Amino acid sequence: MFSSQFSVRPVLAVALAASVFAPAAASAQEQPRTVATYNDWSVFVRETGDDKICFAATEASDKSPKSVNHGDIFFLIASWKSGAAKEQPSLMTGYSINAKPEPVLRVGSDKWDMYASENEAFIESGEEEQRLVRAMKRGADMRVSAVSKRGTATSYIISLRGVTAALDRVSRECQ
């Protein structure tokens, strides 16, 4: 269900998206704009020179261990109007992720190994990305575990409330 009131999460996600998808000298016209919020997920659109990036984003609802500073933890699913990518999931953390052991993502009993690149983690193949997105649409929450470069084992819970509606809107925005 669409909510016209935006919480702090979309504001944080805009800042995140701006840093991810926009070069440092980008003009205000190129900054992502919020187009909708569906429960725990928000939808953003960013116009680029000759393409358009649409993505759904949410912030982790739980972070463990509680005794460490995780920074902002987001999960995004992005699509490009050009077709360069469709429903590409990624995890963004407030710290550098260790490549080994690989970050692991779970929805119900299904599991995906991710690969890490600095403060991001991705699914290796397009087929596995789509399998994950299908599972997310059926699930209630997603659990992610990773290890920081400092060696701290971390885990996160990502709510999936609203992800289906958010992805439907992403699809409409970038068709």
N, C-alpha and C. Protein backbone atom coordinates (compact mmCIF):
# COMPACT_ATOMS: atom_id res chain seq x y z
N MET A 1 0.84 -1.16 0.00
CA MET A 1 0.00 0.00 0.00
C MET A 1 0.89 1.23 0.00
N PHE A 2 0.54 2.22 -0.80
CA PHE A 2 1.31 3.46 -0.92
C PHE A 2 1.09 4.34 0.28
N SER A 3 2.15 4.88 0.80
CA SER A 3 2.06 5.83 1.92
C SER A 3 2.59 7.17 1.44
N SER A 4 1.84 8.21 1.67
CA SER A 4 2.28 9.53 1.23
C SER A 4 3.20 10.19 2.25
N GLN A 5 3.31 9.63 3.43
CA GLN A 5 4.19 10.19 4.44
C GLN A 5 5.51 9.43 4.41
N PHE A 6 6.60 10.20 4.26
CA PHE A 6 7.91 9.58 4.18
C PHE A 6 8.59 9.63 5.53
N SER A 7 9.17 8.52 5.92
CA SER A 7 9.87 8.45 7.20
C SER A 7 11.33 8.82 7.01
N VAL A 8 12.13 8.64 8.03
CA VAL A 8 13.55 8.91 7.96
C VAL A 8 14.22 7.95 6.98
N ARG A 9 13.75 6.73 6.87
CA ARG A 9 14.40 5.75 5.99
C ARG A 9 14.54 6.25 4.56
N PRO A 10 13.48 6.78 3.92
CA PRO A 10 13.66 7.27 2.56
C PRO A 10 14.69 8.38 2.47
N VAL A 11 14.77 9.24 3.46
CA VAL A 11 15.75 10.31 3.45
C VAL A 11 17.16 9.72 3.46
N LEU A 12 17.38 8.73 4.32
CA LEU A 12 18.68 8.07 4.36
C LEU A 12 18.97 7.35 3.06
N ALA A 13 17.96 6.72 2.50
CA ALA A 13 18.15 6.00 1.25
C ALA A 13 18.49 6.93 0.12
N VAL A 14 17.90 8.13 0.11
CA VAL A 14 18.23 9.11 -0.93
C VAL A 14 19.71 9.48 -0.82
N ALA A 15 20.16 9.72 0.41
CA ALA A 15 21.57 10.05 0.60
C ALA A 15 22.45 8.90 0.12
N LEU A 16 22.05 7.69 0.44
CA LEU A 16 22.79 6.52 0.01
C LEU A 16 22.79 6.43 -1.50
N ALA A 17 21.62 6.54 -2.08
CA ALA A 17 21.51 6.42 -3.54
C ALA A 17 22.31 7.50 -4.24
N ALA A 18 22.29 8.70 -3.70
CA ALA A 18 23.04 9.79 -4.31
C ALA A 18 24.53 9.46 -4.32
N SER A 19 25.00 8.87 -3.24
CA SER A 19 26.42 8.55 -3.18
C SER A 19 26.77 7.36 -4.07
N VAL A 20 25.83 6.48 -4.28
CA VAL A 20 26.08 5.29 -5.08
C VAL A 20 25.97 5.58 -6.57
N PHE A 21 24.90 6.26 -6.95
CA PHE A 21 24.59 6.41 -8.35
C PHE A 21 25.01 7.72 -8.97
N ALA A 22 25.47 8.68 -8.19
CA ALA A 22 25.81 9.99 -8.73
C ALA A 22 27.27 10.32 -8.49
N PRO A 23 27.96 10.83 -9.51
CA PRO A 23 29.33 11.28 -9.28
C PRO A 23 29.34 12.49 -8.35
N ALA A 24 30.48 12.73 -7.73
CA ALA A 24 30.58 13.80 -6.73
C ALA A 24 30.14 15.16 -7.27
N ALA A 25 30.38 15.45 -8.53
CA ALA A 25 30.05 16.76 -9.09
C ALA A 25 28.70 16.79 -9.79
N ALA A 26 27.85 15.82 -9.53
CA ALA A 26 26.56 15.75 -10.22
C ALA A 26 25.68 16.94 -9.85
N SER A 27 24.88 17.36 -10.81
CA SER A 27 23.98 18.48 -10.54
C SER A 27 22.77 17.99 -9.77
N ALA A 28 22.01 18.93 -9.23
CA ALA A 28 20.81 18.58 -8.46
C ALA A 28 19.80 17.84 -9.31
N GLN A 29 19.76 18.11 -10.62
CA GLN A 29 18.81 17.43 -11.50
C GLN A 29 19.08 15.93 -11.58
N GLU A 30 20.32 15.54 -11.34
CA GLU A 30 20.69 14.13 -11.45
C GLU A 30 20.50 13.35 -10.15
N GLN A 31 20.17 14.04 -9.07
CA GLN A 31 20.00 13.35 -7.80
C GLN A 31 18.73 12.50 -7.83
N PRO A 32 18.75 11.35 -7.15
CA PRO A 32 17.56 10.50 -7.13
C PRO A 32 16.40 11.23 -6.46
N ARG A 33 15.21 10.95 -6.94
CA ARG A 33 14.02 11.51 -6.31
C ARG A 33 13.15 10.36 -5.82
N THR A 34 12.54 10.57 -4.67
CA THR A 34 11.63 9.58 -4.11
C THR A 34 10.31 9.65 -4.86
N VAL A 35 9.81 8.50 -5.32
CA VAL A 35 8.52 8.49 -6.02
C VAL A 35 7.42 7.80 -5.23
N ALA A 36 7.77 6.93 -4.29
CA ALA A 36 6.75 6.22 -3.51
C ALA A 36 7.37 5.49 -2.34
N THR A 37 6.54 5.21 -1.34
CA THR A 37 6.93 4.36 -0.23
C THR A 37 5.84 3.31 -0.03
N TYR A 38 6.26 2.07 0.08
CA TYR A 38 5.36 0.94 0.30
C TYR A 38 5.84 0.21 1.55
N ASN A 39 5.14 0.38 2.64
CA ASN A 39 5.54 -0.20 3.93
C ASN A 39 6.99 0.12 4.22
N ASP A 40 7.88 -0.88 4.24
CA ASP A 40 9.28 -0.65 4.61
C ASP A 40 10.20 -0.35 3.44
N TRP A 41 9.67 -0.31 2.23
CA TRP A 41 10.47 -0.08 1.02
C TRP A 41 10.09 1.23 0.36
N SER A 42 11.08 1.93 -0.16
CA SER A 42 10.85 3.17 -0.90
C SER A 42 11.39 3.00 -2.32
N VAL A 43 10.81 3.76 -3.25
CA VAL A 43 11.19 3.69 -4.66
C VAL A 43 11.79 5.04 -5.05
N PHE A 44 12.91 4.98 -5.78
CA PHE A 44 13.63 6.16 -6.21
C PHE A 44 13.89 6.08 -7.71
N VAL A 45 14.01 7.25 -8.33
CA VAL A 45 14.32 7.33 -9.76
C VAL A 45 15.44 8.36 -9.92
N ARG A 46 16.38 8.03 -10.78
CA ARG A 46 17.46 8.97 -11.10
C ARG A 46 17.63 9.01 -12.60
N GLU A 47 17.49 10.19 -13.15
CA GLU A 47 17.71 10.40 -14.57
C GLU A 47 19.21 10.57 -14.79
N THR A 48 19.74 9.90 -15.78
CA THR A 48 21.13 10.10 -16.18
C THR A 48 21.08 10.69 -17.58
N GLY A 49 22.20 10.98 -18.15
CA GLY A 49 22.23 11.59 -19.47
C GLY A 49 21.32 10.92 -20.47
N ASP A 50 21.50 9.65 -20.68
CA ASP A 50 20.69 8.95 -21.68
C ASP A 50 20.03 7.69 -21.13
N ASP A 51 19.93 7.61 -19.83
CA ASP A 51 19.32 6.43 -19.20
C ASP A 51 18.57 6.88 -17.96
N LYS A 52 17.89 5.94 -17.35
CA LYS A 52 17.12 6.19 -16.14
C LYS A 52 17.33 4.99 -15.23
N ILE A 53 17.65 5.26 -13.97
CA ILE A 53 17.85 4.20 -12.99
C ILE A 53 16.70 4.27 -11.99
N CYS A 54 16.04 3.15 -11.77
CA CYS A 54 14.93 3.06 -10.83
C CYS A 54 15.31 1.99 -9.80
N PHE A 55 15.07 2.29 -8.52
CA PHE A 55 15.43 1.29 -7.53
C PHE A 55 14.55 1.37 -6.30
N ALA A 56 14.41 0.21 -5.66
CA ALA A 56 13.72 0.09 -4.38
C ALA A 56 14.80 -0.06 -3.32
N ALA A 57 14.58 0.54 -2.15
CA ALA A 57 15.58 0.48 -1.09
C ALA A 57 14.91 0.40 0.27
N THR A 58 15.58 -0.27 1.19
CA THR A 58 15.13 -0.32 2.58
C THR A 58 16.35 -0.37 3.48
N GLU A 59 16.15 -0.02 4.72
CA GLU A 59 17.21 -0.06 5.71
C GLU A 59 17.02 -1.30 6.59
N ALA A 60 18.13 -1.87 7.06
CA ALA A 60 18.04 -3.04 7.95
C ALA A 60 17.20 -2.69 9.17
N SER A 61 16.28 -3.59 9.53
CA SER A 61 15.43 -3.36 10.70
C SER A 61 16.09 -3.82 11.99
N ASP A 62 17.12 -4.65 11.89
CA ASP A 62 17.85 -5.12 13.06
C ASP A 62 19.30 -5.33 12.68
N LYS A 63 20.21 -4.93 13.58
CA LYS A 63 21.65 -5.06 13.35
C LYS A 63 22.28 -5.74 14.55
N SER A 64 23.11 -6.75 14.29
CA SER A 64 23.81 -7.44 15.37
C SER A 64 25.28 -7.59 15.00
N PRO A 65 26.20 -7.55 15.97
CA PRO A 65 25.96 -7.34 17.39
C PRO A 65 25.62 -5.87 17.68
N LYS A 66 24.88 -5.68 18.73
CA LYS A 66 24.42 -4.34 19.12
C LYS A 66 25.58 -3.47 19.60
N SER A 67 26.69 -4.08 20.01
CA SER A 67 27.80 -3.34 20.62
C SER A 67 28.73 -2.65 19.61
N VAL A 68 28.49 -2.81 18.30
CA VAL A 68 29.37 -2.19 17.31
C VAL A 68 28.61 -1.16 16.47
N ASN A 69 29.35 -0.23 15.89
CA ASN A 69 28.77 0.77 15.01
C ASN A 69 28.77 0.20 13.59
N HIS A 70 27.61 -0.12 13.07
CA HIS A 70 27.47 -0.71 11.74
C HIS A 70 27.42 0.35 10.65
N GLY A 71 27.09 1.58 11.01
CA GLY A 71 26.80 2.58 10.00
C GLY A 71 25.43 2.27 9.41
N ASP A 72 25.12 2.89 8.29
CA ASP A 72 23.85 2.63 7.62
C ASP A 72 23.93 1.33 6.83
N ILE A 73 22.92 0.50 6.96
CA ILE A 73 22.85 -0.78 6.26
C ILE A 73 21.60 -0.75 5.39
N PHE A 74 21.80 -0.84 4.07
CA PHE A 74 20.69 -0.77 3.12
C PHE A 74 20.70 -1.99 2.21
N PHE A 75 19.51 -2.34 1.74
CA PHE A 75 19.37 -3.32 0.68
C PHE A 75 18.66 -2.63 -0.46
N LEU A 76 19.18 -2.77 -1.66
CA LEU A 76 18.63 -2.11 -2.84
C LEU A 76 18.36 -3.14 -3.93
N ILE A 77 17.39 -2.82 -4.77
CA ILE A 77 17.13 -3.60 -5.97
C ILE A 77 16.95 -2.60 -7.10
N ALA A 78 17.88 -2.61 -8.07
CA ALA A 78 17.91 -1.58 -9.10
C ALA A 78 17.63 -2.14 -10.49
N SER A 79 16.98 -1.30 -11.30
CA SER A 79 16.74 -1.60 -12.72
C SER A 79 17.10 -0.37 -13.54
N TRP A 80 17.62 -0.58 -14.74
CA TRP A 80 17.94 0.49 -15.66
C TRP A 80 16.94 0.45 -16.80
N LYS A 81 16.44 1.61 -17.21
CA LYS A 81 15.49 1.68 -18.33
C LYS A 81 16.10 1.09 -19.60
N SER A 82 17.40 1.29 -19.79
CA SER A 82 18.09 0.78 -20.97
C SER A 82 18.15 -0.74 -21.00
N GLY A 83 17.87 -1.37 -19.87
CA GLY A 83 17.97 -2.82 -19.79
C GLY A 83 19.36 -3.29 -19.36
N ALA A 84 20.26 -2.38 -19.02
CA ALA A 84 21.61 -2.75 -18.58
C ALA A 84 21.55 -3.71 -17.39
N ALA A 85 20.53 -3.54 -16.55
CA ALA A 85 20.30 -4.46 -15.43
C ALA A 85 18.81 -4.41 -15.11
N LYS A 86 18.31 -5.54 -14.62
CA LYS A 86 16.91 -5.61 -14.23
C LYS A 86 16.84 -6.31 -12.88
N GLU A 87 16.24 -5.62 -11.90
CA GLU A 87 16.08 -6.15 -10.55
C GLU A 87 17.40 -6.73 -10.01
N GLN A 88 18.41 -5.88 -9.98
CA GLN A 88 19.73 -6.27 -9.48
C GLN A 88 19.82 -5.96 -8.00
N PRO A 89 19.85 -6.99 -7.14
CA PRO A 89 19.92 -6.76 -5.69
C PRO A 89 21.34 -6.49 -5.21
N SER A 90 21.44 -5.67 -4.16
CA SER A 90 22.75 -5.44 -3.54
C SER A 90 22.57 -5.01 -2.09
N LEU A 91 23.57 -5.33 -1.31
CA LEU A 91 23.65 -4.92 0.10
C LEU A 91 24.68 -3.82 0.18
N MET A 92 24.38 -2.75 0.91
CA MET A 92 25.35 -1.69 1.15
C MET A 92 25.51 -1.51 2.65
N THR A 93 26.76 -1.52 3.09
CA THR A 93 27.04 -1.41 4.52
C THR A 93 27.81 -0.13 4.82
N GLY A 94 27.88 0.21 6.06
CA GLY A 94 28.64 1.37 6.50
C GLY A 94 30.09 1.04 6.81
N TYR A 95 30.59 -0.08 6.33
CA TYR A 95 31.96 -0.53 6.58
C TYR A 95 32.41 -1.41 5.43
N SER A 96 33.71 -1.66 5.35
CA SER A 96 34.24 -2.56 4.32
C SER A 96 33.97 -4.00 4.72
N ILE A 97 33.47 -4.77 3.75
CA ILE A 97 33.12 -6.18 3.98
C ILE A 97 34.29 -7.06 3.58
N ASN A 98 34.59 -8.05 4.41
CA ASN A 98 35.60 -9.06 4.09
C ASN A 98 35.09 -9.95 2.96
N ALA A 99 35.93 -10.26 2.00
CA ALA A 99 35.53 -11.13 0.88
C ALA A 99 35.37 -12.58 1.34
N LYS A 100 36.17 -12.99 2.33
CA LYS A 100 36.10 -14.36 2.86
C LYS A 100 35.95 -14.30 4.36
N PRO A 101 35.05 -14.97 4.98
CA PRO A 101 34.01 -15.75 4.32
C PRO A 101 33.04 -14.84 3.58
N GLU A 102 32.43 -15.39 2.54
CA GLU A 102 31.50 -14.61 1.73
C GLU A 102 30.27 -14.23 2.54
N PRO A 103 29.72 -13.04 2.27
CA PRO A 103 28.44 -12.70 2.89
C PRO A 103 27.38 -13.71 2.45
N VAL A 104 26.45 -14.02 3.34
CA VAL A 104 25.40 -14.99 3.07
C VAL A 104 24.05 -14.33 3.30
N LEU A 105 23.13 -14.59 2.40
CA LEU A 105 21.79 -14.03 2.48
C LEU A 105 20.81 -15.19 2.52
N ARG A 106 19.79 -15.09 3.37
CA ARG A 106 18.78 -16.15 3.50
C ARG A 106 17.38 -15.56 3.49
N VAL A 107 16.50 -16.21 2.74
CA VAL A 107 15.07 -15.92 2.79
C VAL A 107 14.42 -17.27 3.05
N GLY A 108 13.82 -17.41 4.23
CA GLY A 108 13.29 -18.72 4.62
C GLY A 108 14.43 -19.72 4.66
N SER A 109 14.25 -20.87 4.02
CA SER A 109 15.30 -21.90 4.01
C SER A 109 16.23 -21.77 2.80
N ASP A 110 15.96 -20.80 1.91
CA ASP A 110 16.81 -20.59 0.74
C ASP A 110 18.01 -19.73 1.10
N LYS A 111 19.15 -20.03 0.46
CA LYS A 111 20.41 -19.38 0.80
C LYS A 111 21.14 -18.94 -0.47
N TRP A 112 21.80 -17.77 -0.39
CA TRP A 112 22.61 -17.25 -1.48
C TRP A 112 23.94 -16.79 -0.91
N ASP A 113 25.04 -17.17 -1.57
CA ASP A 113 26.33 -16.62 -1.24
C ASP A 113 26.48 -15.35 -2.08
N MET A 114 27.07 -14.34 -1.48
CA MET A 114 27.27 -13.08 -2.17
C MET A 114 28.78 -12.84 -2.32
N TYR A 115 29.15 -11.96 -3.22
CA TYR A 115 30.54 -11.56 -3.28
C TYR A 115 30.63 -10.10 -2.83
N ALA A 116 31.72 -9.80 -2.15
CA ALA A 116 31.88 -8.47 -1.56
C ALA A 116 32.85 -7.64 -2.39
N SER A 117 32.55 -6.34 -2.47
CA SER A 117 33.42 -5.36 -3.09
C SER A 117 33.35 -4.10 -2.23
N GLU A 118 34.37 -3.88 -1.43
CA GLU A 118 34.44 -2.78 -0.48
C GLU A 118 33.25 -2.82 0.48
N ASN A 119 32.29 -1.89 0.38
CA ASN A 119 31.17 -1.88 1.32
C ASN A 119 29.88 -2.39 0.68
N GLU A 120 29.99 -3.12 -0.41
CA GLU A 120 28.82 -3.66 -1.10
C GLU A 120 28.95 -5.17 -1.26
N ALA A 121 27.79 -5.83 -1.41
CA ALA A 121 27.78 -7.26 -1.69
C ALA A 121 26.71 -7.52 -2.75
N PHE A 122 27.01 -8.45 -3.65
CA PHE A 122 26.16 -8.74 -4.79
C PHE A 122 25.98 -10.24 -4.97
N ILE A 123 24.97 -10.60 -5.75
CA ILE A 123 24.76 -11.99 -6.17
C ILE A 123 25.51 -12.16 -7.49
N GLU A 124 26.17 -13.28 -7.66
CA GLU A 124 27.05 -13.50 -8.82
C GLU A 124 26.31 -13.54 -10.16
N SER A 125 25.23 -14.31 -10.25
CA SER A 125 24.61 -14.52 -11.57
C SER A 125 23.21 -13.92 -11.65
N GLY A 126 22.83 -13.55 -12.85
CA GLY A 126 21.50 -13.01 -13.09
C GLY A 126 20.40 -14.00 -12.73
N GLU A 127 20.63 -15.27 -12.98
CA GLU A 127 19.63 -16.29 -12.65
C GLU A 127 19.41 -16.36 -11.14
N GLU A 128 20.50 -16.29 -10.37
CA GLU A 128 20.39 -16.32 -8.91
C GLU A 128 19.78 -15.03 -8.37
N GLU A 129 20.07 -13.90 -9.04
CA GLU A 129 19.42 -12.64 -8.64
C GLU A 129 17.91 -12.77 -8.76
N GLN A 130 17.45 -13.32 -9.86
CA GLN A 130 16.02 -13.46 -10.08
C GLN A 130 15.39 -14.46 -9.10
N ARG A 131 16.13 -15.52 -8.78
CA ARG A 131 15.64 -16.49 -7.78
C ARG A 131 15.49 -15.79 -6.43
N LEU A 132 16.46 -14.93 -6.08
CA LEU A 132 16.38 -14.18 -4.83
C LEU A 132 15.18 -13.24 -4.84
N VAL A 133 14.99 -12.49 -5.91
CA VAL A 133 13.87 -11.54 -5.97
C VAL A 133 12.54 -12.28 -5.84
N ARG A 134 12.41 -13.43 -6.49
CA ARG A 134 11.17 -14.22 -6.35
C ARG A 134 10.96 -14.64 -4.90
N ALA A 135 12.02 -15.08 -4.23
CA ALA A 135 11.91 -15.49 -2.82
C ALA A 135 11.57 -14.30 -1.94
N MET A 136 12.14 -13.13 -2.23
CA MET A 136 11.85 -11.93 -1.44
C MET A 136 10.37 -11.58 -1.53
N LYS A 137 9.79 -11.74 -2.70
CA LYS A 137 8.37 -11.40 -2.88
C LYS A 137 7.46 -12.34 -2.08
N ARG A 138 7.94 -13.54 -1.80
CA ARG A 138 7.15 -14.51 -1.03
C ARG A 138 7.44 -14.45 0.47
N GLY A 139 8.58 -13.86 0.85
CA GLY A 139 9.03 -13.93 2.23
C GLY A 139 8.55 -12.79 3.10
N ALA A 140 8.81 -12.93 4.40
CA ALA A 140 8.48 -11.89 5.38
C ALA A 140 9.70 -11.06 5.74
N ASP A 141 10.86 -11.72 5.80
CA ASP A 141 12.09 -11.00 6.05
C ASP A 141 13.26 -11.76 5.45
N MET A 142 14.39 -11.09 5.41
CA MET A 142 15.61 -11.63 4.83
C MET A 142 16.70 -11.45 5.87
N ARG A 143 17.58 -12.40 5.96
CA ARG A 143 18.67 -12.34 6.93
C ARG A 143 20.00 -12.36 6.17
N VAL A 144 20.87 -11.45 6.57
CA VAL A 144 22.16 -11.34 5.90
C VAL A 144 23.25 -11.41 6.96
N SER A 145 24.29 -12.17 6.68
CA SER A 145 25.44 -12.20 7.57
C SER A 145 26.69 -11.88 6.76
N ALA A 146 27.60 -11.15 7.40
CA ALA A 146 28.85 -10.75 6.75
C ALA A 146 29.91 -10.59 7.83
N VAL A 147 31.14 -10.44 7.38
CA VAL A 147 32.25 -10.20 8.29
C VAL A 147 32.94 -8.92 7.83
N SER A 148 33.17 -8.01 8.75
CA SER A 148 33.83 -6.75 8.40
C SER A 148 35.33 -7.01 8.17
N LYS A 149 36.00 -6.05 7.54
CA LYS A 149 37.45 -6.15 7.33
C LYS A 149 38.19 -6.25 8.65
N ARG A 150 37.58 -5.74 9.72
CA ARG A 150 38.18 -5.83 11.06
C ARG A 150 37.97 -7.20 11.68
N GLY A 151 37.17 -8.06 11.03
CA GLY A 151 36.92 -9.39 11.55
C GLY A 151 35.67 -9.54 12.39
N THR A 152 34.84 -8.53 12.45
CA THR A 152 33.61 -8.60 13.25
C THR A 152 32.51 -9.30 12.45
N ALA A 153 31.97 -10.37 13.01
CA ALA A 153 30.84 -11.07 12.38
C ALA A 153 29.58 -10.25 12.64
N THR A 154 28.86 -9.93 11.57
CA THR A 154 27.65 -9.11 11.66
C THR A 154 26.47 -9.85 11.07
N SER A 155 25.28 -9.46 11.49
CA SER A 155 24.07 -10.01 10.88
C SER A 155 22.98 -8.95 10.89
N TYR A 156 22.10 -9.06 9.90
CA TYR A 156 21.05 -8.07 9.70
C TYR A 156 19.75 -8.73 9.34
N ILE A 157 18.67 -8.09 9.75
CA ILE A 157 17.34 -8.51 9.31
C ILE A 157 16.80 -7.39 8.43
N ILE A 158 16.33 -7.78 7.25
CA ILE A 158 15.77 -6.85 6.27
C ILE A 158 14.29 -7.21 6.11
N SER A 159 13.42 -6.27 6.42
CA SER A 159 11.98 -6.51 6.24
C SER A 159 11.66 -6.58 4.76
N LEU A 160 10.77 -7.47 4.41
CA LEU A 160 10.32 -7.60 3.02
C LEU A 160 8.91 -7.05 2.84
N ARG A 161 8.37 -6.40 3.88
CA ARG A 161 7.04 -5.80 3.79
C ARG A 161 7.06 -4.66 2.78
N GLY A 162 6.33 -4.82 1.70
CA GLY A 162 6.24 -3.78 0.68
C GLY A 162 7.15 -3.98 -0.51
N VAL A 163 8.01 -5.00 -0.49
CA VAL A 163 8.97 -5.17 -1.58
C VAL A 163 8.27 -5.47 -2.91
N THR A 164 7.20 -6.26 -2.91
CA THR A 164 6.52 -6.58 -4.17
C THR A 164 5.93 -5.32 -4.80
N ALA A 165 5.22 -4.52 -4.02
CA ALA A 165 4.65 -3.27 -4.55
C ALA A 165 5.75 -2.32 -5.00
N ALA A 166 6.84 -2.24 -4.25
CA ALA A 166 7.95 -1.36 -4.62
C ALA A 166 8.56 -1.81 -5.94
N LEU A 167 8.75 -3.11 -6.12
CA LEU A 167 9.33 -3.60 -7.37
C LEU A 167 8.38 -3.43 -8.55
N ASP A 168 7.09 -3.55 -8.30
CA ASP A 168 6.11 -3.27 -9.36
C ASP A 168 6.24 -1.82 -9.80
N ARG A 169 6.40 -0.92 -8.84
CA ARG A 169 6.54 0.51 -9.17
C ARG A 169 7.86 0.77 -9.89
N VAL A 170 8.94 0.13 -9.47
CA VAL A 170 10.23 0.25 -10.14
C VAL A 170 10.07 -0.16 -11.61
N SER A 171 9.39 -1.27 -11.83
CA SER A 171 9.16 -1.75 -13.19
C SER A 171 8.39 -0.73 -14.02
N ARG A 172 7.35 -0.16 -13.45
CA ARG A 172 6.53 0.84 -14.17
C ARG A 172 7.35 2.09 -14.47
N GLU A 173 8.19 2.49 -13.53
CA GLU A 173 8.98 3.72 -13.70
C GLU A 173 10.07 3.56 -14.77
N CYS A 174 10.58 2.35 -14.93
CA CYS A 174 11.71 2.15 -15.84
C CYS A 174 11.36 1.24 -17.03
N GLN A 175 10.10 1.27 -17.47
CA GLN A 175 9.79 0.44 -18.64
C GLN A 175 10.07 1.14 -19.92
